[in-house]
C-alpha atoms as a PDB file:
ATOM      1  CA  MET A   1     116.094  89.791 108.372  1.00  0.00           C
ATOM      2  CA  THR A   2     113.022  89.044 106.261  1.00  0.00           C
ATOM      3  CA  LYS A   3     111.807  91.309 103.523  1.00  0.00           C
ATOM      4  CA  ASP A   4     108.864  93.517 104.440  1.00  0.00           C
ATOM      5  CA  ARG A   5     105.888  92.704 102.247  1.00  0.00           C
ATOM      6  CA  PHE A   6     104.362  96.206 102.406  1.00  0.00           C
ATOM      7  CA  LYS A   7     105.949  99.503 101.461  1.00  0.00           C
ATOM      8  CA  TRP A   8     104.803 103.098 101.734  1.00  0.00           C
ATOM      9  CA  HIS A   9     104.900 105.340  98.659  1.00  0.00           C
ATOM     10  CA  PHE A  10     104.780 109.046  99.589  1.00  0.00           C
ATOM     11  CA  THR A  11     103.708 111.842  97.256  1.00  0.00           C
ATOM     12  CA  PHE A  12     105.031 115.309  97.979  1.00  0.00           C
ATOM     13  CA  ARG A  13     103.990 118.599  96.438  1.00  0.00           C
ATOM     14  CA  THR A  14     107.186 120.544  95.810  1.00  0.00           C
ATOM     15  CA  HIS A  15     105.690 123.605  94.085  1.00  0.00           C
ATOM     16  CA  PRO A  16     102.088 124.538  93.410  1.00  0.00           C
ATOM     17  CA  LEU A  17     101.931 122.171  90.428  1.00  0.00           C
ATOM     18  CA  ASP A  18     104.933 119.828  90.883  1.00  0.00           C
ATOM     19  CA  LYS A  19     104.578 116.450  92.554  1.00  0.00           C
ATOM     20  CA  VAL A  20     107.063 113.694  93.248  1.00  0.00           C
ATOM     21  CA  THR A  21     106.397 110.168  94.580  1.00  0.00           C
ATOM     22  CA  VAL A  22     109.103 108.151  96.318  1.00  0.00           C
ATOM     23  CA  GLU A  23     109.200 104.848  98.193  1.00  0.00           C
ATOM     24  CA  GLU A  24     109.872 104.813 101.928  1.00  0.00           C
ATOM     25  CA  ASP A  25     113.433 103.580 101.426  1.00  0.00           C
ATOM     26  CA  HIS A  26     114.347 105.973  98.606  1.00  0.00           C
ATOM     27  CA  PRO A  27     117.640 107.791  99.252  1.00  0.00           C
ATOM     28  CA  ASP A  28     116.049 111.199  98.579  1.00  0.00           C
ATOM     29  CA  LEU A  29     113.268 110.782 101.161  1.00  0.00           C
ATOM     30  CA  ASP A  30     115.217 112.551 103.930  1.00  0.00           C
ATOM     31  CA  PHE A  31     115.913 115.456 101.595  1.00  0.00           C
ATOM     32  CA  LEU A  32     112.217 115.799 100.668  1.00  0.00           C
ATOM     33  CA  LYS A  33     111.143 115.595 104.328  1.00  0.00           C
ATOM     34  CA  THR A  34     113.245 118.627 105.210  1.00  0.00           C
ATOM     35  CA  LEU A  35     112.911 120.683 102.026  1.00  0.00           C
ATOM     36  CA  ASN A  36     111.148 124.039 102.573  1.00  0.00           C
ATOM     37  CA  GLY A  37     107.932 124.314 100.550  1.00  0.00           C
ATOM     38  CA  CYS A  38     107.734 120.537 100.106  1.00  0.00           C
ATOM     39  CA  ASP A  39     104.618 119.003 101.709  1.00  0.00           C
ATOM     40  CA  LEU A  40     103.374 115.442 102.051  1.00  0.00           C
ATOM     41  CA  ILE A  41      99.955 115.150 100.378  1.00  0.00           C
ATOM     42  CA  THR A  42      99.398 111.407  99.817  1.00  0.00           C
ATOM     43  CA  ALA A  43     100.576 108.112 101.356  1.00  0.00           C
ATOM     44  CA  THR A  44      99.961 104.815  99.566  1.00  0.00           C
ATOM     45  CA  LEU A  45     100.688 101.406 101.044  1.00  0.00           C
ATOM     46  CA  VAL A  46     101.408  98.765  98.427  1.00  0.00           C
ATOM     47  CA  ASP A  47     101.918  95.006  98.524  1.00  0.00           C
ATOM     48  CA  VAL A  48     105.424  94.654  97.041  1.00  0.00           C
ATOM     49  CA  ASP A  49     104.774  91.035  96.129  1.00  0.00           C
ATOM     50  CA  LYS A  50     102.171  92.255  93.611  1.00  0.00           C
ATOM     51  CA  PHE A  51     103.640  95.647  92.593  1.00  0.00           C
ATOM     52  CA  SER A  52     106.045  96.304  89.768  1.00  0.00           C
ATOM     53  CA  ILE A  53     106.622  99.535  87.882  1.00  0.00           C
ATOM     54  CA  PHE A  54     106.972  97.416  84.762  1.00  0.00           C
ATOM     55  CA  ASP A  55     103.494  95.893  85.035  1.00  0.00           C
ATOM     56  CA  GLU A  56     100.442  97.304  83.419  1.00  0.00           C
ATOM     57  CA  GLU A  57      98.569 100.004  85.313  1.00  0.00           C
ATOM     58  CA  GLU A  58      95.726  97.694  86.342  1.00  0.00           C
ATOM     59  CA  LYS A  59      98.120  95.328  88.143  1.00  0.00           C
ATOM     60  CA  GLN A  60      99.740  98.273  89.910  1.00  0.00           C
ATOM     61  CA  ILE A  61      96.355  99.497  91.140  1.00  0.00           C
ATOM     62  CA  GLN A  62      95.527  95.991  92.429  1.00  0.00           C
ATOM     63  CA  SER A  63      98.688  96.069  94.556  1.00  0.00           C
ATOM     64  CA  VAL A  64      97.472  99.109  96.513  1.00  0.00           C
ATOM     65  CA  ILE A  65      96.363  98.187 100.028  1.00  0.00           C
ATOM     66  CA  HIS A  66      95.540 101.725 101.256  1.00  0.00           C
ATOM     67  CA  SER A  67      95.777 105.216  99.835  1.00  0.00           C
ATOM     68  CA  ILE A  68      95.404 108.238 102.116  1.00  0.00           C
ATOM     69  CA  SER A  69      95.026 111.865 101.062  1.00  0.00           C
ATOM     70  CA  LEU A  70      96.365 114.272 103.648  1.00  0.00           C
ATOM     71  CA  ASP A  71      96.163 118.006 104.136  1.00  0.00           C
ATOM     72  CA  PRO A  72      99.614 119.357 103.263  1.00  0.00           C
ATOM     73  CA  CYS A  73     101.950 118.395 106.098  1.00  0.00           C
ATOM     74  CA  LYS A  74     105.506 117.277 106.858  1.00  0.00           C
ATOM     75  CA  LEU A  75     106.523 113.615 107.013  1.00  0.00           C
ATOM     76  CA  SER A  76     108.380 112.914 110.252  1.00  0.00           C
ATOM     77  CA  ARG A  77     109.199 109.206 110.486  1.00  0.00           C
ATOM     78  CA  VAL A  78     108.357 105.885 108.827  1.00  0.00           C
ATOM     79  CA  PHE A  79     108.392 102.780 111.031  1.00  0.00           C
ATOM     80  CA  ARG A  80     106.857  99.384 111.776  1.00  0.00           C
ATOM     81  CA  ARG A  81     104.999  98.736 114.974  1.00  0.00           C
ATOM     82  CA  VAL A  82     105.014  95.222 116.381  1.00  0.00           C
ATOM     83  CA  GLU A  83     101.912  94.231 118.354  1.00  0.00           C
ATOM     84  CA  MET A  84     101.738  91.107 120.489  1.00  0.00           C
ATOM     85  CA  ASN A  85      98.494  89.386 121.409  1.00  0.00           C
ATOM     86  CA  LEU A  86      99.061  88.374 124.999  1.00  0.00           C
ATOM     87  CA  SER A  87      96.326  85.731 125.030  1.00  0.00           C
ATOM     88  CA  THR A  88      97.408  83.846 121.881  1.00  0.00           C
ATOM     89  CA  GLY A  89     101.057  84.847 121.610  1.00  0.00           C
ATOM     90  CA  GLY A  90     100.439  86.027 118.043  1.00  0.00           C
ATOM     91  CA  ARG A  91     102.402  88.884 116.564  1.00  0.00           C
ATOM     92  CA  ARG A  92     101.651  91.275 113.745  1.00  0.00           C
ATOM     93  CA  ILE A  93     103.622  94.069 112.167  1.00  0.00           C
ATOM     94  CA  ILE A  94     101.793  97.327 111.467  1.00  0.00           C
ATOM     95  CA  PRO A  95     103.202  99.700 108.794  1.00  0.00           C
ATOM     96  CA  ALA A  96     103.088 103.224 110.214  1.00  0.00           C
ATOM     97  CA  PHE A  97     104.371 106.744 109.886  1.00  0.00           C
ATOM     98  CA  THR A  98     104.195 110.045 111.716  1.00  0.00           C
ATOM     99  CA  TYR A  99     103.455 113.412 110.172  1.00  0.00           C
ATOM    100  CA  ARG A 100     103.025 116.899 111.513  1.00  0.00           C
ATOM    101  CA  ASP A 101     101.306 120.189 110.890  1.00  0.00           C
ATOM    102  CA  GLU A 102     100.995 122.130 114.151  1.00  0.00           C
ATOM    103  CA  THR A 103     101.159 118.875 116.138  1.00  0.00           C
ATOM    104  CA  GLU A 104     102.407 115.307 115.600  1.00  0.00           C
ATOM    105  CA  HIS A 105      99.970 112.750 114.162  1.00  0.00           C
ATOM    106  CA  TYR A 106     100.228 108.987 113.615  1.00  0.00           C
ATOM    107  CA  CYS A 107      99.076 106.742 110.788  1.00  0.00           C
ATOM    108  CA  PHE A 108      98.683 103.009 111.483  1.00  0.00           C
ATOM    109  CA  ALA A 109      97.759 100.712 108.546  1.00  0.00           C
ATOM    110  CA  PHE A 110      95.822  97.629 109.571  1.00  0.00           C
ATOM    111  CA  PRO A 111      94.783  95.093 106.926  1.00  0.00           C
ATOM    112  CA  ASP A 112      91.239  96.437 106.733  1.00  0.00           C
ATOM    113  CA  VAL A 113      91.527 100.055 107.854  1.00  0.00           C
ATOM    114  CA  VAL A 114      93.917 102.985 108.220  1.00  0.00           C
ATOM    115  CA  VAL A 115      93.836 104.842 111.511  1.00  0.00           C
ATOM    116  CA  LEU A 116      94.899 108.474 111.682  1.00  0.00           C
ATOM    117  CA  THR A 117      95.290 109.493 115.313  1.00  0.00           C
ATOM    118  CA  ASP A 118      97.112 111.805 117.708  1.00  0.00           C
ATOM    119  CA  ASN A 119      97.546 108.895 120.145  1.00  0.00           C
ATOM    120  CA  SER A 120     100.963 107.228 119.803  1.00  0.00           C
ATOM    121  CA  ARG A 121      99.738 104.348 121.980  1.00  0.00           C
ATOM    122  CA  PHE A 122      96.680 103.571 119.867  1.00  0.00           C
ATOM    123  CA  SER A 123      96.060  99.836 119.751  1.00  0.00           C
ATOM    124  CA  ARG A 124      93.343  97.828 118.192  1.00  0.00           C
ATOM    125  CA  GLU A 125      91.453  95.371 120.352  1.00  0.00           C
ATOM    126  CA  ALA A 126      90.441  93.020 117.533  1.00  0.00           C
ATOM    127  CA  TRP A 127      93.172  90.975 115.893  1.00  0.00           C
ATOM    128  CA  GLY A 128      91.377  90.792 112.520  1.00  0.00           C
END
């Protein structure tokens, strides 16, 4: 299995003034997802080939692909969606996650844009 080049970093508000940020594969993510009073408020997609916590802040900022502020909600699931272009046979992997307030919502991160939608079958016509 190849290493995924992109990784989500999720920021949760645990109390009115406390925040914690964890990577999508952090062992405490499941605990934070289910903790009462803990809401997802920001999702940041980073290029792990460029990101290091030991680098200077400017290099860390340059590794950010997308950053999304959300109304307080609950993180449901983090996944990758594989899309196939039937005419060219090309394939791309889309970092994604689902979150919920009253209903379930989806976030798909394309190279140039983030799409927040209620449609789980959302697909992009252009293969940019």
